[in-house]
Amino acid sequence: MMPPQGEDPNQPYPGVGAALLLTIMAVFASVFTGIAFFGLGALTAYGVGRAVGVGAVATMAAQRVGEPQAERLGLRKLETDAIPVILCLVPAMLLMSEIDNYAFDYAGDEPKIFQQFETAAPSAPGAVPLAADAYEFDVEADAATEVLLGREVLEIPEIIYDQEGERIAVPNVTTDAENGVKLLNPDDPASMIQAFIVMVGIIPIVDCFLIFGVIQQGLLRRMGFWRGICFAALFWMLLRPVPLMGATQFLVASIGTLGLGVLLGLVRVATRSVIAPMLLAAGWAAVQFIALGTLESAPMDGLNVPGTHLPLIITAASLAIVAWAAFAIYQEAATRFLTEPEHKPGADGTGWGFGGFGGNEPREDHDGEDGGGSVYPFPPVKKPNHVRDEEDDER
C-alpha cells in the first residue's frame, strides 16, 4: 500500500491521514463485499463483508509497519494475569446501555435522522410513483445496506402485488413479523450460532486488528500516549456502526463508542497484545448478543426493554468495577508506554509526551532497574537491557 501524498515515508506508519484513509477504505470494502454476498443471507453477507473488507485493508496496511513488526502489531501472547482485569471492563457495556436509556428518556418522540427521506414513499401524496421492479430493488437494497451498516433490522420486507403487477403493500422493515424473513431468530439454533460467530467472533477480531493492531501503534509513536489513543478511538468510532436514531441518541451513542475505544486503546498498550482488545470487544459484543437474543423470551429491564433502566445496584456495582479496572489498566499502560522499545519515536525525538493532551515533548531519560513498577495483577515491568545500553551509548 502506497503512502498518501505528503506522507513522510521515514515517519512511523500510519499517521492520522493514512489512518483515516484506511478506516474509510475498510468501511467501503466491507459494505460492497457484503452486498456482493447478500444473496447468501444477511448475516452471512455481513460477516463475510466485515471479514474480507476490513481484514484485507488491515493485512495490506500491516505490511508497511516497520520492524519489530510483530511486536508493534501486538502479535504476542496475552498474559493470563491480565485477563481478570480485562473482564472487569465488560460491565462498561451495561453502563453504556444505561446512558442510552437516559438519552432515550430525554429524547422522547424526537424524529429520526433523515426521517424526511424515509417518509417519502411512492404512495405518499405528491410523490412520483416508481415501477414495481425498481421499487422492489430499492427496498431490497435498503434492507441490505441497513444490515451491512450493523443496524437493528431484524426482517427483510416482501413486496406484495395484485394480479396486474401493481404494488399493494410494503410491510414495515423492522416490525412486520408475518411477511418478513428474520435475520436473528431466537427459535432457530442455527441462526443464533451464525449470529454469535459474526457478532462475537468475526467483527471484534478484524476491527481490533485494524484499529488497535495496525493504526494505534503508528499514532502512538507519532503523537504520544493520550493523543495517539484518542485518535485511534476516534477511528474505532468511525468504523463501528452507530444507529441513526434521533440526534440526541446518535450523539450519545457516538460519544459512548468513542469512550469504549479509549478503553480498548489503553488495554492494548497495557497488555502489549492485540488479543486483549479483541477479548474485551468480544465481551461487549456478547452482552449485546444476549440482549438481542432474549428480546422476546427473557426481556431484561435496561438492556432490551425500551423506556426501562437497570437496577440501581447493578449500575453502581458496574461503575465501581469498571472504574477500578480502568484505573489499573491506565497505570499499567502509562508504565509500559515509557518502557517498551516498540514505542520508540521518530527521528525528531518527539512522541513520548504523556501528561494531559501533550505528546510532542522530547523523551526524558528513565533510569533504574524497574521502569516504574507495575499495578497488580500485572507482572513487574523492567526496562529491557538493550534499551538501557542504547541510552548509555548516546550519553
Protein backbone atom coordinates (compact mmCIF):
# COMPACT_ATOMS: atom_id res chain seq x y z
CA MET A 1 0.00 0.00 0.00
CA MET A 2 1.49 3.30 -1.13
CA PRO A 3 1.68 6.15 1.40
CA PRO A 4 -0.76 9.04 0.90
CA GLN A 5 0.59 12.12 -0.86
CA GLY A 6 2.55 14.22 1.60
CA GLU A 7 3.13 11.28 3.99
CA ASP A 8 6.78 11.09 5.10
CA PRO A 9 7.98 7.52 4.45
CA ASN A 10 10.58 7.92 7.22
CA GLN A 11 7.92 8.50 9.88
CA PRO A 12 6.12 5.68 11.71
CA TYR A 13 3.19 4.29 9.75
CA PRO A 14 0.34 5.12 9.75
CA GLY A 15 -0.14 8.80 10.51
CA VAL A 16 -3.51 10.47 11.01
CA GLY A 17 -4.13 10.95 7.29
CA ALA A 18 -3.25 7.38 6.41
CA ALA A 19 -5.29 6.07 9.35
CA LEU A 20 -8.36 7.98 8.19
CA LEU A 21 -7.89 6.65 4.66
CA LEU A 22 -7.57 3.08 5.96
CA THR A 23 -10.76 3.44 8.01
CA ILE A 24 -12.74 4.78 5.06
CA MET A 25 -11.39 2.04 2.80
CA ALA A 26 -12.36 -0.61 5.36
CA VAL A 27 -15.93 0.69 5.63
CA PHE A 28 -16.47 0.81 1.88
CA ALA A 29 -14.76 -2.53 1.30
CA SER A 30 -16.91 -4.27 3.91
CA VAL A 31 -20.16 -2.74 2.60
CA PHE A 32 -19.51 -3.53 -1.07
CA THR A 33 -18.23 -7.04 -0.29
CA GLY A 34 -21.30 -7.70 1.84
CA ILE A 35 -23.65 -6.52 -0.89
CA ALA A 36 -21.99 -8.92 -3.31
CA PHE A 37 -22.73 -11.82 -0.92
CA PHE A 38 -26.20 -10.67 0.16
CA GLY A 39 -27.83 -13.49 -1.77
CA LEU A 40 -26.36 -15.95 0.75
CA GLY A 41 -28.29 -14.34 3.58
CA ALA A 42 -28.00 -11.12 5.50
CA LEU A 43 -25.89 -12.43 8.39
CA THR A 44 -23.56 -14.31 6.06
CA ALA A 45 -23.15 -11.20 3.93
CA TYR A 46 -22.45 -9.06 6.98
CA GLY A 47 -19.85 -11.48 8.34
CA VAL A 48 -18.12 -12.09 5.01
CA GLY A 49 -18.16 -8.39 4.19
CA ARG A 50 -16.62 -7.45 7.50
CA ALA A 51 -14.01 -10.22 7.45
CA VAL A 52 -12.95 -9.71 3.85
CA GLY A 53 -13.30 -5.94 3.67
CA VAL A 54 -11.75 -4.88 6.97
CA GLY A 55 -9.39 -7.86 7.07
CA ALA A 56 -7.95 -7.17 3.62
CA VAL A 57 -7.32 -3.50 4.38
CA ALA A 58 -5.70 -4.36 7.72
CA THR A 59 -3.49 -7.04 6.17
CA MET A 60 -2.23 -4.75 3.43
CA ALA A 61 -1.57 -1.92 5.87
CA ALA A 62 0.29 -4.22 8.27
CA GLN A 63 2.91 -4.87 5.60
CA ARG A 64 4.08 -1.26 5.91
CA VAL A 65 4.66 -1.38 9.67
CA GLY A 66 8.36 -1.28 10.44
CA GLU A 67 10.42 -3.70 12.47
CA PRO A 68 10.00 -5.15 15.01
CA GLN A 69 6.76 -5.69 13.12
CA ALA A 70 5.19 -8.43 15.22
CA GLU A 71 5.77 -6.59 18.49
CA ARG A 72 4.41 -3.33 17.13
CA LEU A 73 1.29 -5.02 15.79
CA GLY A 74 0.73 -6.69 19.17
CA LEU A 75 1.13 -10.21 17.80
CA ARG A 76 2.22 -11.70 21.08
CA LYS A 77 0.78 -13.93 23.76
CA LEU A 78 -1.69 -12.37 26.17
CA GLU A 79 -0.53 -12.55 29.77
CA THR A 80 -3.01 -14.60 31.76
CA ASP A 81 -2.68 -12.29 34.77
CA ALA A 82 -4.26 -9.50 32.72
CA ILE A 83 -7.40 -11.43 31.77
CA PRO A 84 -9.33 -10.87 35.06
CA VAL A 85 -8.77 -7.11 34.86
CA ILE A 86 -9.87 -7.05 31.21
CA LEU A 87 -13.05 -8.97 32.05
CA CYS A 88 -13.80 -6.39 34.75
CA LEU A 89 -14.23 -3.86 31.93
CA VAL A 90 -17.04 -5.87 30.30
CA PRO A 91 -19.72 -4.20 32.50
CA ALA A 92 -18.83 -0.96 30.69
CA MET A 93 -21.37 -2.11 28.10
CA LEU A 94 -24.05 -2.13 30.82
CA LEU A 95 -23.14 1.45 31.71
CA MET A 96 -23.28 2.36 28.02
CA SER A 97 -26.74 0.83 27.82
CA GLU A 98 -27.91 2.79 30.85
CA ILE A 99 -26.62 6.07 29.42
CA ASP A 100 -28.50 5.28 26.23
CA ASN A 101 -31.64 4.66 28.30
CA TYR A 102 -31.41 8.15 29.78
CA ALA A 103 -30.85 9.57 26.31
CA PHE A 104 -34.00 7.75 25.20
CA ASP A 105 -35.94 9.28 28.09
CA TYR A 106 -34.64 12.74 27.26
CA ALA A 107 -35.23 12.48 23.52
CA GLY A 108 -38.82 11.30 23.83
CA ASP A 109 -40.51 11.43 20.43
CA GLU A 110 -37.57 13.14 18.75
CA PRO A 111 -37.72 12.45 14.98
CA LYS A 112 -35.19 10.13 13.45
CA ILE A 113 -32.27 11.43 11.44
CA PHE A 114 -33.13 11.53 7.73
CA GLN A 115 -36.77 10.82 8.61
CA GLN A 116 -37.88 13.12 5.80
CA PHE A 117 -36.32 10.71 3.32
CA GLU A 118 -37.81 7.65 4.97
CA THR A 119 -41.37 9.02 4.81
CA ALA A 120 -41.19 9.94 1.12
CA ALA A 121 -42.65 6.61 -0.03
CA PRO A 122 -44.02 6.30 -3.58
CA SER A 123 -47.57 6.19 -2.22
CA ALA A 124 -47.24 9.49 -0.37
CA PRO A 125 -49.15 12.48 -1.76
CA GLY A 126 -47.13 14.31 -4.37
CA ALA A 127 -44.57 11.55 -4.75
CA VAL A 128 -43.67 10.21 -8.16
CA PRO A 129 -44.73 6.53 -8.47
CA LEU A 130 -41.96 4.12 -9.30
CA ALA A 131 -42.13 0.98 -11.36
CA ALA A 132 -42.73 -2.16 -9.34
CA ASP A 133 -39.38 -3.73 -10.19
CA ALA A 134 -37.47 -0.53 -9.44
CA TYR A 135 -39.16 -0.12 -6.07
CA GLU A 136 -38.55 -3.75 -5.20
CA PHE A 137 -34.85 -3.29 -5.91
CA ASP A 138 -34.83 -0.13 -3.80
CA VAL A 139 -36.42 -1.86 -0.80
CA GLU A 140 -34.06 -4.82 -1.01
CA ALA A 141 -31.05 -2.54 -1.37
CA ASP A 142 -32.16 -0.51 1.65
CA ALA A 143 -32.50 -3.67 3.72
CA ALA A 144 -29.07 -4.86 2.62
CA THR A 145 -27.46 -1.53 3.49
CA GLU A 146 -29.17 -1.44 6.89
CA VAL A 147 -27.80 -4.88 7.75
CA LEU A 148 -24.30 -4.20 6.47
CA LEU A 149 -24.11 -1.00 8.49
CA GLY A 150 -24.95 -3.00 11.60
CA ARG A 151 -28.34 -1.50 12.38
CA GLU A 152 -31.01 -3.47 14.18
CA VAL A 153 -33.02 -4.57 11.16
CA LEU A 154 -34.49 -7.93 12.00
CA GLU A 155 -36.52 -8.66 8.89
CA ILE A 156 -36.36 -8.26 5.12
CA PRO A 157 -39.66 -6.94 3.69
CA GLU A 158 -41.55 -8.67 0.94
CA ILE A 159 -43.23 -6.75 -1.86
CA ILE A 160 -46.91 -7.67 -2.33
CA TYR A 161 -48.53 -7.16 -5.74
CA ASP A 162 -52.01 -7.57 -7.15
CA GLN A 163 -52.80 -9.64 -10.26
CA GLU A 164 -51.85 -6.75 -12.54
CA GLY A 165 -48.42 -6.41 -11.01
CA GLU A 166 -49.16 -3.26 -9.05
CA ARG A 167 -47.66 -2.93 -5.58
CA ILE A 168 -50.38 -3.03 -2.94
CA ALA A 169 -48.42 -3.33 0.35
CA VAL A 170 -44.92 -2.99 1.74
CA PRO A 171 -44.50 -4.50 5.23
CA ASN A 172 -42.63 -2.44 7.79
CA VAL A 173 -38.92 -3.26 7.73
CA THR A 174 -38.49 -3.66 11.47
CA THR A 175 -41.86 -4.65 12.92
CA ASP A 176 -43.77 -6.85 10.47
CA ALA A 177 -43.06 -10.42 11.51
CA GLU A 178 -45.62 -12.12 9.32
CA ASN A 179 -44.24 -11.24 5.90
CA GLY A 180 -40.59 -10.73 6.77
CA VAL A 181 -37.64 -13.08 6.98
CA LYS A 182 -35.99 -12.80 10.38
CA LEU A 183 -32.25 -12.21 10.43
CA LEU A 184 -31.93 -13.16 14.09
CA ASN A 185 -34.38 -15.84 15.11
CA PRO A 186 -34.08 -16.93 18.76
CA ASP A 187 -36.14 -20.03 17.96
CA ASP A 188 -33.64 -21.20 15.33
CA PRO A 189 -30.38 -22.55 16.87
CA ALA A 190 -28.58 -22.34 13.53
CA SER A 191 -29.46 -18.66 13.19
CA MET A 192 -28.26 -17.94 16.72
CA ILE A 193 -24.98 -19.79 16.20
CA GLN A 194 -24.39 -17.92 12.96
CA ALA A 195 -25.17 -14.59 14.63
CA PHE A 196 -22.86 -15.41 17.54
CA ILE A 197 -19.97 -16.21 15.18
CA VAL A 198 -20.46 -12.97 13.28
CA MET A 199 -21.10 -10.63 16.23
CA VAL A 200 -18.76 -12.11 18.84
CA GLY A 201 -16.19 -13.91 16.72
CA ILE A 202 -15.52 -12.18 13.42
CA ILE A 203 -16.22 -8.49 13.95
CA PRO A 204 -14.16 -7.89 17.15
CA ILE A 205 -11.14 -9.66 15.67
CA VAL A 206 -10.92 -7.86 12.34
CA ASP A 207 -11.92 -4.45 13.69
CA CYS A 208 -9.48 -4.55 16.61
CA PHE A 209 -6.63 -5.78 14.44
CA LEU A 210 -7.06 -2.84 12.08
CA ILE A 211 -7.54 -0.13 14.71
CA PHE A 212 -5.52 -1.31 17.70
CA GLY A 213 -3.06 -3.54 15.90
CA VAL A 214 -2.15 -1.53 12.81
CA ILE A 215 -3.34 2.05 13.31
CA GLN A 216 -2.77 2.76 17.01
CA GLN A 217 0.90 1.77 17.09
CA GLY A 218 1.74 4.34 14.44
CA LEU A 219 -0.29 7.06 16.11
CA LEU A 220 1.35 6.39 19.48
CA ARG A 221 4.83 6.72 18.05
CA ARG A 222 3.94 9.90 16.18
CA MET A 223 1.65 11.68 18.62
CA GLY A 224 2.31 10.35 22.09
CA PHE A 225 0.25 8.47 24.61
CA TRP A 226 -3.05 10.30 25.01
CA ARG A 227 -3.39 11.80 21.57
CA GLY A 228 -2.47 8.50 19.93
CA ILE A 229 -5.05 6.57 21.93
CA CYS A 230 -7.79 9.18 21.45
CA PHE A 231 -7.28 9.36 17.70
CA ALA A 232 -7.33 5.56 17.49
CA ALA A 233 -10.60 5.60 19.47
CA LEU A 234 -11.97 8.17 17.00
CA PHE A 235 -11.23 5.86 14.08
CA TRP A 236 -12.79 2.99 16.05
CA MET A 237 -15.94 5.09 16.40
CA LEU A 238 -15.97 5.78 12.65
CA LEU A 239 -15.58 2.10 11.86
CA ARG A 240 -18.28 0.91 14.23
CA PRO A 241 -21.99 1.23 13.29
CA VAL A 242 -23.97 3.86 15.17
CA PRO A 243 -27.78 3.66 14.83
CA LEU A 244 -29.32 6.64 13.06
CA MET A 245 -31.95 7.32 15.69
CA GLY A 246 -32.76 10.81 16.92
CA ALA A 247 -29.99 13.39 17.10
CA THR A 248 -29.69 13.04 20.89
CA GLN A 249 -29.32 9.26 20.86
CA PHE A 250 -26.98 9.44 17.88
CA LEU A 251 -24.73 11.90 19.74
CA VAL A 252 -24.78 9.85 22.95
CA ALA A 253 -24.04 6.61 21.07
CA SER A 254 -21.14 8.24 19.21
CA ILE A 255 -19.58 9.62 22.40
CA GLY A 256 -20.09 6.30 24.17
CA THR A 257 -18.42 4.39 21.34
CA LEU A 258 -15.52 6.83 21.49
CA GLY A 259 -15.16 6.18 25.23
CA LEU A 260 -15.17 2.43 24.71
CA GLY A 261 -12.49 2.91 22.07
CA VAL A 262 -10.30 4.72 24.60
CA LEU A 263 -10.63 1.77 26.98
CA LEU A 264 -9.65 -0.62 24.19
CA GLY A 265 -6.63 1.52 23.35
CA LEU A 266 -5.48 1.56 26.98
CA VAL A 267 -5.90 -2.22 27.20
CA ARG A 268 -3.80 -2.64 24.05
CA VAL A 269 -0.91 -0.60 25.48
CA ALA A 270 -1.15 -2.12 28.96
CA THR A 271 -1.01 -5.73 27.77
CA ARG A 272 1.18 -5.18 24.65
CA SER A 273 -1.07 -7.71 22.89
CA VAL A 274 -3.77 -7.01 20.32
CA ILE A 275 -5.56 -10.10 21.64
CA ALA A 276 -6.56 -8.11 24.73
CA PRO A 277 -8.77 -5.53 22.98
CA MET A 278 -10.17 -8.34 20.84
CA LEU A 279 -11.18 -10.19 24.01
CA LEU A 280 -12.75 -7.10 25.56
CA ALA A 281 -14.63 -6.15 22.38
CA ALA A 282 -15.89 -9.73 22.11
CA GLY A 283 -17.15 -9.50 25.69
CA TRP A 284 -19.09 -6.34 24.89
CA ALA A 285 -20.49 -7.97 21.75
CA ALA A 286 -21.57 -10.99 23.82
CA VAL A 287 -23.59 -8.69 26.10
CA GLN A 288 -25.30 -7.18 23.05
CA PHE A 289 -25.92 -10.63 21.59
CA ILE A 290 -27.58 -11.84 24.80
CA ALA A 291 -29.75 -8.73 24.94
CA LEU A 292 -30.92 -9.20 21.34
CA GLY A 293 -31.29 -12.97 21.60
CA THR A 294 -33.51 -12.76 24.67
CA LEU A 295 -35.62 -9.87 23.40
CA GLU A 296 -38.81 -11.96 23.31
CA SER A 297 -38.07 -14.89 25.60
CA ALA A 298 -36.49 -13.06 28.55
CA PRO A 299 -36.92 -9.27 28.50
CA MET A 300 -34.37 -7.54 30.73
CA ASP A 301 -35.01 -4.06 32.06
CA GLY A 302 -32.36 -1.62 30.97
CA LEU A 303 -30.99 -3.86 28.23
CA ASN A 304 -33.68 -4.79 25.74
CA VAL A 305 -36.87 -3.16 27.06
CA PRO A 306 -37.31 0.43 25.83
CA GLY A 307 -38.10 3.00 28.49
CA THR A 308 -36.65 0.96 31.36
CA HIS A 309 -33.46 1.21 33.40
CA LEU A 310 -31.01 -1.15 35.03
CA PRO A 311 -31.48 -1.81 38.75
CA LEU A 312 -29.54 0.73 40.78
CA ILE A 313 -27.42 -1.93 42.49
CA ILE A 314 -26.27 -3.29 39.11
CA THR A 315 -25.44 0.18 37.82
CA ALA A 316 -23.48 1.07 40.97
CA ALA A 317 -21.59 -2.23 41.04
CA SER A 318 -20.75 -1.97 37.33
CA LEU A 319 -19.49 1.59 37.79
CA ALA A 320 -17.24 0.61 40.71
CA ILE A 321 -15.77 -2.44 38.95
CA VAL A 322 -15.16 -0.60 35.68
CA ALA A 323 -13.60 2.39 37.46
CA TRP A 324 -11.15 0.19 39.36
CA ALA A 325 -10.20 -1.85 36.30
CA ALA A 326 -9.85 1.24 34.10
CA PHE A 327 -7.54 2.90 36.63
CA ALA A 328 -5.39 -0.23 36.90
CA ILE A 329 -5.21 -0.52 33.12
CA TYR A 330 -4.33 3.16 32.79
CA GLN A 331 -1.45 2.93 35.26
CA GLU A 332 -0.07 -0.17 33.59
CA ALA A 333 -0.38 1.40 30.15
CA ALA A 334 1.48 4.51 31.34
CA THR A 335 4.33 2.40 32.67
CA ARG A 336 4.67 0.20 29.64
CA PHE A 337 4.42 3.03 27.17
CA LEU A 338 7.59 4.53 28.62
CA THR A 339 9.49 1.24 28.80
CA GLU A 340 8.64 -0.68 25.64
CA PRO A 341 11.13 -0.43 22.74
CA GLU A 342 8.45 -0.62 20.04
CA HIS A 343 7.19 2.79 21.15
CA LYS A 344 10.47 4.44 20.14
CA PRO A 345 9.58 7.75 18.47
CA GLY A 346 10.67 9.18 15.15
CA ALA A 347 13.98 10.74 14.26
CA ASP A 348 12.99 14.08 15.79
CA GLY A 349 12.87 12.58 19.27
CA THR A 350 9.22 13.51 19.83
CA GLY A 351 6.25 11.34 20.55
CA TRP A 352 7.00 10.45 24.16
CA GLY A 353 4.71 13.02 25.77
CA PHE A 354 2.33 11.67 28.35
CA GLY A 355 0.81 14.33 30.56
CA GLY A 356 -2.54 15.78 29.60
CA PHE A 357 -3.11 16.01 25.87
CA GLY A 358 0.53 16.77 25.17
CA GLY A 359 2.56 14.26 23.29
CA ASN A 360 5.28 16.10 21.43
CA GLU A 361 7.63 16.72 24.31
CA PRO A 362 11.15 15.29 23.94
CA ARG A 363 11.64 11.96 25.61
CA GLU A 364 13.06 12.04 29.10
CA ASP A 365 15.55 9.52 30.41
CA HIS A 366 14.16 6.88 32.75
CA ASP A 367 16.92 5.06 34.59
CA GLY A 368 16.65 2.36 37.16
CA GLU A 369 16.14 -1.36 37.16
CA ASP A 370 12.41 -1.02 37.46
CA GLY A 371 10.63 1.01 34.81
CA GLY A 372 8.20 2.50 37.32
CA GLY A 373 6.77 -0.67 38.78
CA SER A 374 3.53 -2.38 37.85
CA VAL A 375 -0.01 -2.41 39.04
CA TYR A 376 -1.43 -5.67 40.39
CA PRO A 377 -2.18 -8.15 38.93
CA PHE A 378 0.20 -7.45 36.05
CA PRO A 379 3.78 -8.74 36.36
CA PRO A 380 6.52 -6.15 37.04
CA VAL A 381 7.90 -4.36 34.01
CA LYS A 382 11.60 -3.70 33.67
CA LYS A 383 13.31 -1.63 31.05
CA PRO A 384 14.95 -4.02 28.53
CA ASN A 385 18.73 -4.30 28.70
CA HIS A 386 19.25 -3.26 25.08
CA VAL A 387 17.28 -0.07 25.71
CA ARG A 388 19.50 0.86 28.67
CA ASP A 389 22.62 0.05 26.63
CA GLU A 390 21.47 2.30 23.78
CA GLU A 391 20.82 5.13 26.21
CA ASP A 392 24.26 4.69 27.78
CA ASP A 393 25.88 4.83 24.36
CA GLU A 394 24.00 8.02 23.48
CA ARG A 395 25.17 9.69 26.67
